Amino acid sequence: SETYDMKVFSDSGEYFGDVEESILTSTKIFGWKVKATKNSYLNKVLGSAKGVIVPHQLVKAVGDILIISKTAVPSYSAEDSSEGAEE
């Protein structure tokens, strides 16, 4: 319950979103449900989707905020989405 609504940042310092919940197996944390909030990078990338699940292996630190590896951050470029499909 302490991690609910915790801010999530990438290891490069970009605001990613907020923790919605943790996903547990019987013995460990499997991953984190991160919701896209208004000014987050995740909101810009996903558009209408509500969030993503970040595997726990990509979490670097949990404290006052959650820090995730930049490999968990989907790459986004307006050029990629318009030109990539034609080739």
PDB file of N, CA and C in Angstrom:
ATOM      1  N   SER A   1       0.818  -1.201   0.000  1.00  0.00           N
ATOM      2  CA  SER A   1       0.000   0.000   0.000  1.00  0.00           C
ATOM      3  C   SER A   1       0.860   1.262   0.000  1.00  0.00           C
ATOM      4  N   GLU A   2       2.102   1.153   0.450  1.00  0.00           N
ATOM      5  CA  GLU A   2       2.983   2.328   0.465  1.00  0.00           C
ATOM      6  C   GLU A   2       3.415   2.744  -0.936  1.00  0.00           C
ATOM      7  N   THR A   3       3.401   1.813  -1.884  1.00  0.00           N
ATOM      8  CA  THR A   3       3.852   2.139  -3.238  1.00  0.00           C
ATOM      9  C   THR A   3       2.727   2.673  -4.124  1.00  0.00           C
ATOM     10  N   TYR A   4       1.476   2.596  -3.677  1.00  0.00           N
ATOM     11  CA  TYR A   4       0.358   3.066  -4.496  1.00  0.00           C
ATOM     12  C   TYR A   4       0.500   4.560  -4.773  1.00  0.00           C
ATOM     13  N   ASP A   5       0.363   4.957  -6.033  1.00  0.00           N
ATOM     14  CA  ASP A   5       0.497   6.339  -6.505  1.00  0.00           C
ATOM     15  C   ASP A   5       1.915   6.888  -6.372  1.00  0.00           C
ATOM     16  N   MET A   6       2.910   6.009  -6.168  1.00  0.00           N
ATOM     17  CA  MET A   6       4.304   6.445  -6.129  1.00  0.00           C
ATOM     18  C   MET A   6       4.715   6.918  -7.524  1.00  0.00           C
ATOM     19  N   LYS A   7       5.488   7.974  -7.596  1.00  0.00           N
ATOM     20  CA  LYS A   7       5.970   8.490  -8.876  1.00  0.00           C
ATOM     21  C   LYS A   7       7.009   7.527  -9.455  1.00  0.00           C
ATOM     22  N   VAL A   8       6.970   7.343 -10.780  1.00  0.00           N
ATOM     23  CA  VAL A   8       7.922   6.472 -11.465  1.00  0.00           C
ATOM     24  C   VAL A   8       8.740   7.323 -12.428  1.00  0.00           C
ATOM     25  N   PHE A   9      10.068   7.186 -12.326  1.00  0.00           N
ATOM     26  CA  PHE A   9      10.981   7.919 -13.195  1.00  0.00           C
ATOM     27  C   PHE A   9      11.901   6.939 -13.901  1.00  0.00           C
ATOM     28  N   SER A  10      12.344   7.296 -15.116  1.00  0.00           N
ATOM     29  CA  SER A  10      13.349   6.481 -15.799  1.00  0.00           C
ATOM     30  C   SER A  10      14.711   6.817 -15.193  1.00  0.00           C
ATOM     31  N   ASP A  11      15.699   5.970 -15.462  1.00  0.00           N
ATOM     32  CA  ASP A  11      17.024   6.243 -14.910  1.00  0.00           C
ATOM     33  C   ASP A  11      17.696   7.449 -15.556  1.00  0.00           C
ATOM     34  N   SER A  12      17.094   7.981 -16.624  1.00  0.00           N
ATOM     35  CA  SER A  12      17.603   9.219 -17.216  1.00  0.00           C
ATOM     36  C   SER A  12      16.903  10.452 -16.644  1.00  0.00           C
ATOM     37  N   GLY A  13      15.983  10.240 -15.679  1.00  0.00           N
ATOM     38  CA  GLY A  13      15.349  11.350 -14.975  1.00  0.00           C
ATOM     39  C   GLY A  13      14.014  11.808 -15.529  1.00  0.00           C
ATOM     40  N   GLU A  14      13.491  11.099 -16.519  1.00  0.00           N
ATOM     41  CA  GLU A  14      12.213  11.498 -17.120  1.00  0.00           C
ATOM     42  C   GLU A  14      11.038  10.920 -16.325  1.00  0.00           C
ATOM     43  N   TYR A  15      10.036  11.763 -16.054  1.00  0.00           N
ATOM     44  CA  TYR A  15       8.836  11.318 -15.335  1.00  0.00           C
ATOM     45  C   TYR A  15       8.060  10.352 -16.218  1.00  0.00           C
ATOM     46  N   PHE A  16       7.803   9.145 -15.710  1.00  0.00           N
ATOM     47  CA  PHE A  16       7.223   8.062 -16.497  1.00  0.00           C
ATOM     48  C   PHE A  16       5.738   7.860 -16.235  1.00  0.00           C
ATOM     49  N   GLY A  17       5.303   7.983 -14.982  1.00  0.00           N
ATOM     50  CA  GLY A  17       3.906   7.761 -14.612  1.00  0.00           C
ATOM     51  C   GLY A  17       3.798   7.495 -13.125  1.00  0.00           C
ATOM     52  N   ASP A  18       2.683   6.921 -12.691  1.00  0.00           N
ATOM     53  CA  ASP A  18       2.452   6.595 -11.280  1.00  0.00           C
ATOM     54  C   ASP A  18       2.161   5.110 -11.125  1.00  0.00           C
ATOM     55  N   VAL A  19       2.610   4.526 -10.022  1.00  0.00           N
ATOM     56  CA  VAL A  19       2.328   3.120  -9.737  1.00  0.00           C
ATOM     57  C   VAL A  19       0.834   2.980  -9.455  1.00  0.00           C
ATOM     58  N   GLU A  20       0.192   2.064 -10.175  1.00  0.00           N
ATOM     59  CA  GLU A  20      -1.224   1.777  -9.920  1.00  0.00           C
ATOM     60  C   GLU A  20      -1.344   0.600  -8.951  1.00  0.00           C
ATOM     61  N   GLU A  21      -0.519  -0.441  -9.177  1.00  0.00           N
ATOM     62  CA  GLU A  21      -0.491  -1.573  -8.255  1.00  0.00           C
ATOM     63  C   GLU A  21       0.723  -2.436  -8.542  1.00  0.00           C
ATOM     64  N   SER A  22       1.058  -3.297  -7.579  1.00  0.00           N
ATOM     65  CA  SER A  22       2.126  -4.271  -7.793  1.00  0.00           C
ATOM     66  C   SER A  22       1.480  -5.606  -8.137  1.00  0.00           C
ATOM     67  N   ILE A  23       2.155  -6.368  -8.984  1.00  0.00           N
ATOM     68  CA  ILE A  23       1.650  -7.676  -9.389  1.00  0.00           C
ATOM     69  C   ILE A  23       2.499  -8.720  -8.672  1.00  0.00           C
ATOM     70  N   LEU A  24       1.851  -9.528  -7.844  1.00  0.00           N
ATOM     71  CA  LEU A  24       2.562 -10.479  -7.000  1.00  0.00           C
ATOM     72  C   LEU A  24       2.333 -11.911  -7.449  1.00  0.00           C
ATOM     73  N   THR A  25       3.390 -12.741  -7.353  1.00  0.00           N
ATOM     74  CA  THR A  25       3.227 -14.187  -7.443  1.00  0.00           C
ATOM     75  C   THR A  25       3.155 -14.659  -5.997  1.00  0.00           C
ATOM     76  N   SER A  26       3.179 -15.950  -5.772  1.00  0.00           N
ATOM     77  CA  SER A  26       3.063 -16.431  -4.395  1.00  0.00           C
ATOM     78  C   SER A  26       4.288 -16.097  -3.552  1.00  0.00           C
ATOM     79  N   THR A  27       5.439 -15.870  -4.189  1.00  0.00           N
ATOM     80  CA  THR A  27       6.665 -15.649  -3.413  1.00  0.00           C
ATOM     81  C   THR A  27       7.389 -14.337  -3.685  1.00  0.00           C
ATOM     82  N   LYS A  28       7.034 -13.623  -4.740  1.00  0.00           N
ATOM     83  CA  LYS A  28       7.800 -12.414  -5.070  1.00  0.00           C
ATOM     84  C   LYS A  28       6.973 -11.422  -5.889  1.00  0.00           C
ATOM     85  N   ILE A  29       7.570 -10.246  -6.123  1.00  0.00           N
ATOM     86  CA  ILE A  29       6.945  -9.240  -6.983  1.00  0.00           C
ATOM     87  C   ILE A  29       7.257  -9.599  -8.429  1.00  0.00           C
ATOM     88  N   PHE A  30       6.217  -9.731  -9.243  1.00  0.00           N
ATOM     89  CA  PHE A  30       6.385 -10.057 -10.657  1.00  0.00           C
ATOM     90  C   PHE A  30       6.603  -8.794 -11.490  1.00  0.00           C
ATOM     91  N   GLY A  31       5.826  -7.744 -11.185  1.00  0.00           N
ATOM     92  CA  GLY A  31       5.926  -6.520 -11.964  1.00  0.00           C
ATOM     93  C   GLY A  31       5.114  -5.403 -11.334  1.00  0.00           C
ATOM     94  N   TRP A  32       5.083  -4.292 -12.035  1.00  0.00           N
ATOM     95  CA  TRP A  32       4.387  -3.091 -11.539  1.00  0.00           C
ATOM     96  C   TRP A  32       3.476  -2.562 -12.630  1.00  0.00           C
ATOM     97  N   LYS A  33       2.229  -2.305 -12.276  1.00  0.00           N
ATOM     98  CA  LYS A  33       1.294  -1.649 -13.191  1.00  0.00           C
ATOM     99  C   LYS A  33       1.505  -0.154 -13.050  1.00  0.00           C
ATOM    100  N   VAL A  34       1.912   0.497 -14.135  1.00  0.00           N
ATOM    101  CA  VAL A  34       2.178   1.935 -14.105  1.00  0.00           C
ATOM    102  C   VAL A  34       1.145   2.628 -14.973  1.00  0.00           C
ATOM    103  N   LYS A  35       0.420   3.581 -14.388  1.00  0.00           N
ATOM    104  CA  LYS A  35      -0.610   4.289 -15.150  1.00  0.00           C
ATOM    105  C   LYS A  35      -0.033   5.569 -15.742  1.00  0.00           C
ATOM    106  N   ALA A  36      -0.523   5.903 -16.912  1.00  0.00           N
ATOM    107  CA  ALA A  36      -0.124   7.129 -17.585  1.00  0.00           C
ATOM    108  C   ALA A  36      -0.872   8.296 -16.946  1.00  0.00           C
ATOM    109  N   THR A  37      -0.138   9.262 -16.441  1.00  0.00           N
ATOM    110  CA  THR A  37      -0.756  10.448 -15.855  1.00  0.00           C
ATOM    111  C   THR A  37      -0.609  11.631 -16.802  1.00  0.00           C
ATOM    112  N   LYS A  38      -1.245  12.715 -16.483  1.00  0.00           N
ATOM    113  CA  LYS A  38      -1.405  13.833 -17.407  1.00  0.00           C
ATOM    114  C   LYS A  38      -0.108  14.335 -18.045  1.00  0.00           C
ATOM    115  N   ASN A  39       0.925  14.582 -17.282  1.00  0.00           N
ATOM    116  CA  ASN A  39       2.148  15.161 -17.845  1.00  0.00           C
ATOM    117  C   ASN A  39       3.284  14.156 -17.979  1.00  0.00           C
ATOM    118  N   SER A  40       2.969  12.874 -17.999  1.00  0.00           N
ATOM    119  CA  SER A  40       4.010  11.849 -18.024  1.00  0.00           C
ATOM    120  C   SER A  40       4.445  11.521 -19.448  1.00  0.00           C
ATOM    121  N   TYR A  41       5.652  10.977 -19.545  1.00  0.00           N
ATOM    122  CA  TYR A  41       6.175  10.503 -20.823  1.00  0.00           C
ATOM    123  C   TYR A  41       5.293   9.384 -21.369  1.00  0.00           C
ATOM    124  N   LEU A  42       4.816   8.529 -20.486  1.00  0.00           N
ATOM    125  CA  LEU A  42       3.967   7.407 -20.873  1.00  0.00           C
ATOM    126  C   LEU A  42       2.688   7.888 -21.561  1.00  0.00           C
ATOM    127  N   ASN A  43       2.122   8.960 -21.084  1.00  0.00           N
ATOM    128  CA  ASN A  43       0.914   9.522 -21.683  1.00  0.00           C
ATOM    129  C   ASN A  43       1.188   9.998 -23.108  1.00  0.00           C
ATOM    130  N   LYS A  44       2.348  10.606 -23.337  1.00  0.00           N
ATOM    131  CA  LYS A  44       2.706  11.081 -24.680  1.00  0.00           C
ATOM    132  C   LYS A  44       2.884   9.922 -25.647  1.00  0.00           C
ATOM    133  N   VAL A  45       3.479   8.832 -25.172  1.00  0.00           N
ATOM    134  CA  VAL A  45       3.776   7.679 -26.024  1.00  0.00           C
ATOM    135  C   VAL A  45       2.545   6.844 -26.302  1.00  0.00           C
ATOM    136  N   LEU A  46       1.736   6.584 -25.278  1.00  0.00           N
ATOM    137  CA  LEU A  46       0.615   5.654 -25.421  1.00  0.00           C
ATOM    138  C   LEU A  46      -0.647   6.271 -25.984  1.00  0.00           C
ATOM    139  N   GLY A  47      -0.807   7.568 -25.849  1.00  0.00           N
ATOM    140  CA  GLY A  47      -2.027   8.189 -26.326  1.00  0.00           C
ATOM    141  C   GLY A  47      -3.219   7.795 -25.482  1.00  0.00           C
ATOM    142  N   SER A  48      -4.095   6.925 -26.004  1.00  0.00           N
ATOM    143  CA  SER A  48      -5.336   6.592 -25.305  1.00  0.00           C
ATOM    144  C   SER A  48      -5.202   5.423 -24.326  1.00  0.00           C
ATOM    145  N   ALA A  49      -4.101   4.671 -24.367  1.00  0.00           N
ATOM    146  CA  ALA A  49      -3.935   3.553 -23.435  1.00  0.00           C
ATOM    147  C   ALA A  49      -3.749   4.081 -22.016  1.00  0.00           C
ATOM    148  N   LYS A  50      -4.123   3.257 -21.037  1.00  0.00           N
ATOM    149  CA  LYS A  50      -4.108   3.719 -19.647  1.00  0.00           C
ATOM    150  C   LYS A  50      -2.780   3.513 -18.940  1.00  0.00           C
ATOM    151  N   GLY A  51      -1.949   2.576 -19.418  1.00  0.00           N
ATOM    152  CA  GLY A  51      -0.686   2.328 -18.744  1.00  0.00           C
ATOM    153  C   GLY A  51       0.026   1.105 -19.279  1.00  0.00           C
ATOM    154  N   VAL A  52       1.095   0.696 -18.576  1.00  0.00           N
ATOM    155  CA  VAL A  52       1.885  -0.463 -18.965  1.00  0.00           C
ATOM    156  C   VAL A  52       2.234  -1.282 -17.728  1.00  0.00           C
ATOM    157  N   ILE A  53       2.697  -2.510 -17.953  1.00  0.00           N
ATOM    158  CA  ILE A  53       3.231  -3.331 -16.877  1.00  0.00           C
ATOM    159  C   ILE A  53       4.741  -3.372 -17.049  1.00  0.00           C
ATOM    160  N   VAL A  54       5.457  -2.967 -16.009  1.00  0.00           N
ATOM    161  CA  VAL A  54       6.913  -2.967 -16.023  1.00  0.00           C
ATOM    162  C   VAL A  54       7.383  -4.185 -15.228  1.00  0.00           C
ATOM    163  N   PRO A  55       8.138  -5.102 -15.856  1.00  0.00           N
ATOM    164  CA  PRO A  55       8.661  -6.252 -15.109  1.00  0.00           C
ATOM    165  C   PRO A  55       9.574  -5.799 -13.972  1.00  0.00           C
ATOM    166  N   HIS A  56       9.548  -6.516 -12.859  1.00  0.00           N
ATOM    167  CA  HIS A  56      10.327  -6.107 -11.685  1.00  0.00           C
ATOM    168  C   HIS A  56      11.836  -6.112 -11.957  1.00  0.00           C
ATOM    169  N   GLN A  57      12.311  -6.932 -12.913  1.00  0.00           N
ATOM    170  CA  GLN A  57      13.733  -6.958 -13.240  1.00  0.00           C
ATOM    171  C   GLN A  57      14.223  -5.606 -13.753  1.00  0.00           C
ATOM    172  N   LEU A  58      13.330  -4.796 -14.320  1.00  0.00           N
ATOM    173  CA  LEU A  58      13.723  -3.497 -14.872  1.00  0.00           C
ATOM    174  C   LEU A  58      13.655  -2.368 -13.842  1.00  0.00           C
ATOM    175  N   VAL A  59      13.244  -2.687 -12.615  1.00  0.00           N
ATOM    176  CA  VAL A  59      13.198  -1.682 -11.548  1.00  0.00           C
ATOM    177  C   VAL A  59      14.581  -1.598 -10.926  1.00  0.00           C
ATOM    178  N   LYS A  60      15.140  -0.383 -10.887  1.00  0.00           N
ATOM    179  CA  LYS A  60      16.480  -0.192 -10.330  1.00  0.00           C
ATOM    180  C   LYS A  60      16.450   0.158  -8.854  1.00  0.00           C
ATOM    181  N   ALA A  61      15.434   0.916  -8.415  1.00  0.00           N
ATOM    182  CA  ALA A  61      15.373   1.325  -7.012  1.00  0.00           C
ATOM    183  C   ALA A  61      13.936   1.650  -6.623  1.00  0.00           C
ATOM    184  N   VAL A  62      13.624   1.364  -5.361  1.00  0.00           N
ATOM    185  CA  VAL A  62      12.329   1.723  -4.788  1.00  0.00           C
ATOM    186  C   VAL A  62      12.616   2.467  -3.499  1.00  0.00           C
ATOM    187  N   GLY A  63      12.125   3.687  -3.401  1.00  0.00           N
ATOM    188  CA  GLY A  63      12.299   4.496  -2.198  1.00  0.00           C
ATOM    189  C   GLY A  63      11.127   5.451  -2.127  1.00  0.00           C
ATOM    190  N   ASP A  64      11.416   6.750  -2.127  1.00  0.00           N
ATOM    191  CA  ASP A  64      10.346   7.739  -2.202  1.00  0.00           C
ATOM    192  C   ASP A  64       9.729   7.752  -3.597  1.00  0.00           C
ATOM    193  N   ILE A  65      10.530   7.347  -4.598  1.00  0.00           N
ATOM    194  CA  ILE A  65      10.057   7.182  -5.974  1.00  0.00           C
ATOM    195  C   ILE A  65      10.525   5.818  -6.477  1.00  0.00           C
ATOM    196  N   LEU A  66       9.993   5.391  -7.609  1.00  0.00           N
ATOM    197  CA  LEU A  66      10.415   4.148  -8.243  1.00  0.00           C
ATOM    198  C   LEU A  66      11.266   4.531  -9.447  1.00  0.00           C
ATOM    199  N   ILE A  67      12.457   3.955  -9.573  1.00  0.00           N
ATOM    200  CA  ILE A  67      13.323   4.243 -10.712  1.00  0.00           C
ATOM    201  C   ILE A  67      13.408   2.987 -11.564  1.00  0.00           C
ATOM    202  N   ILE A  68      13.111   3.150 -12.864  1.00  0.00           N
ATOM    203  CA  ILE A  68      13.140   2.013 -13.778  1.00  0.00           C
ATOM    204  C   ILE A  68      14.227   2.214 -14.828  1.00  0.00           C
ATOM    205  N   SER A  69      14.669   1.119 -15.407  1.00  0.00           N
ATOM    206  CA  SER A  69      15.672   1.161 -16.462  1.00  0.00           C
ATOM    207  C   SER A  69      15.083   1.796 -17.713  1.00  0.00           C
ATOM    208  N   LYS A  70      15.920   2.497 -18.467  1.00  0.00           N
ATOM    209  CA  LYS A  70      15.421   3.138 -19.685  1.00  0.00           C
ATOM    210  C   LYS A  70      14.989   2.124 -20.735  1.00  0.00           C
ATOM    211  N   THR A  71      15.399   0.855 -20.588  1.00  0.00           N
ATOM    212  CA  THR A  71      14.940  -0.176 -21.526  1.00  0.00           C
ATOM    213  C   THR A  71      13.458  -0.469 -21.369  1.00  0.00           C
ATOM    214  N   ALA A  72      12.868  -0.099 -20.237  1.00  0.00           N
ATOM    215  CA  ALA A  72      11.436  -0.289 -20.028  1.00  0.00           C
ATOM    216  C   ALA A  72      10.617   0.812 -20.698  1.00  0.00           C
ATOM    217  N   VAL A  73      11.287   1.902 -21.069  1.00  0.00           N
ATOM    218  CA  VAL A  73      10.598   3.050 -21.656  1.00  0.00           C
ATOM    219  C   VAL A  73      10.432   2.810 -23.149  1.00  0.00           C
ATOM    220  N   PRO A  74       9.194   2.781 -23.642  1.00  0.00           N
ATOM    221  CA  PRO A  74       9.009   2.602 -25.084  1.00  0.00           C
ATOM    222  C   PRO A  74       9.578   3.788 -25.846  1.00  0.00           C
ATOM    223  N   SER A  75      10.257   3.511 -26.958  1.00  0.00           N
ATOM    224  CA  SER A  75      10.807   4.614 -27.749  1.00  0.00           C
ATOM    225  C   SER A  75       9.672   5.286 -28.508  1.00  0.00           C
ATOM    226  N   TYR A  76       9.807   6.572 -28.681  1.00  0.00           N
ATOM    227  CA  TYR A  76       8.740   7.327 -29.346  1.00  0.00           C
ATOM    228  C   TYR A  76       9.351   8.362 -30.261  1.00  0.00           C
ATOM    229  N   SER A  77       8.884   8.384 -31.485  1.00  0.00           N
ATOM    230  CA  SER A  77       9.276   9.407 -32.436  1.00  0.00           C
ATOM    231  C   SER A  77       8.152   9.553 -33.443  1.00  0.00           C
ATOM    232  N   ALA A  78       7.742  10.765 -33.705  1.00  0.00           N
ATOM    233  CA  ALA A  78       6.664  11.006 -34.673  1.00  0.00           C
ATOM    234  C   ALA A  78       7.097  10.545 -36.061  1.00  0.00           C
ATOM    235  N   GLU A  79       8.390  10.664 -36.373  1.00  0.00           N
ATOM    236  CA  GLU A  79       8.890  10.230 -37.673  1.00  0.00           C
ATOM    237  C   GLU A  79       8.792   8.725 -37.824  1.00  0.00           C
ATOM    238  N   ASP A  80       9.103   7.967 -36.771  1.00  0.00           N
ATOM    239  CA  ASP A  80       9.045   6.514 -36.831  1.00  0.00           C
ATOM    240  C   ASP A  80       7.643   6.020 -37.148  1.00  0.00           C
ATOM    241  N   SER A  81       6.639   6.618 -36.551  1.00  0.00           N
ATOM    242  CA  SER A  81       5.282   6.133 -36.739  1.00  0.00           C
ATOM    243  C   SER A  81       4.744   6.416 -38.136  1.00  0.00           C
ATOM    244  N   SER A  82       5.205   7.460 -38.800  1.00  0.00           N
ATOM    245  CA  SER A  82       4.678   7.786 -40.127  1.00  0.00           C
ATOM    246  C   SER A  82       5.512   7.179 -41.252  1.00  0.00           C
ATOM    247  N   GLU A  83       6.849   7.062 -41.079  1.00  0.00           N
ATOM    248  CA  GLU A  83       7.681   6.585 -42.169  1.00  0.00           C
ATOM    249  C   GLU A  83       7.966   5.099 -42.105  1.00  0.00           C
ATOM    250  N   GLY A  84       7.972   4.500 -40.925  1.00  0.00           N
ATOM    251  CA  GLY A  84       8.360   3.114 -40.761  1.00  0.00           C
ATOM    252  C   GLY A  84       7.461   2.121 -41.460  1.00  0.00           C
ATOM    253  N   ALA A  85       6.184   2.411 -41.587  1.00  0.00           N
ATOM    254  CA  ALA A  85       5.235   1.453 -42.170  1.00  0.00           C
ATOM    255  C   ALA A  85       5.351   1.365 -43.690  1.00  0.00           C
ATOM    256  N   GLU A  86       5.877   2.391 -44.330  1.00  0.00           N
ATOM    257  CA  GLU A  86       5.916   2.424 -45.787  1.00  0.00           C
ATOM    258  C   GLU A  86       7.061   1.627 -46.371  1.00  0.00           C
ATOM    259  N   GLU A  87       8.128   1.402 -45.635  1.00  0.00           N
ATOM    260  CA  GLU A  87       9.314   0.753 -46.197  1.00  0.00           C
ATOM    261  C   GLU A  87       9.206  -0.722 -46.293  1.00  0.00           C
TER     262      GLU A  87
END
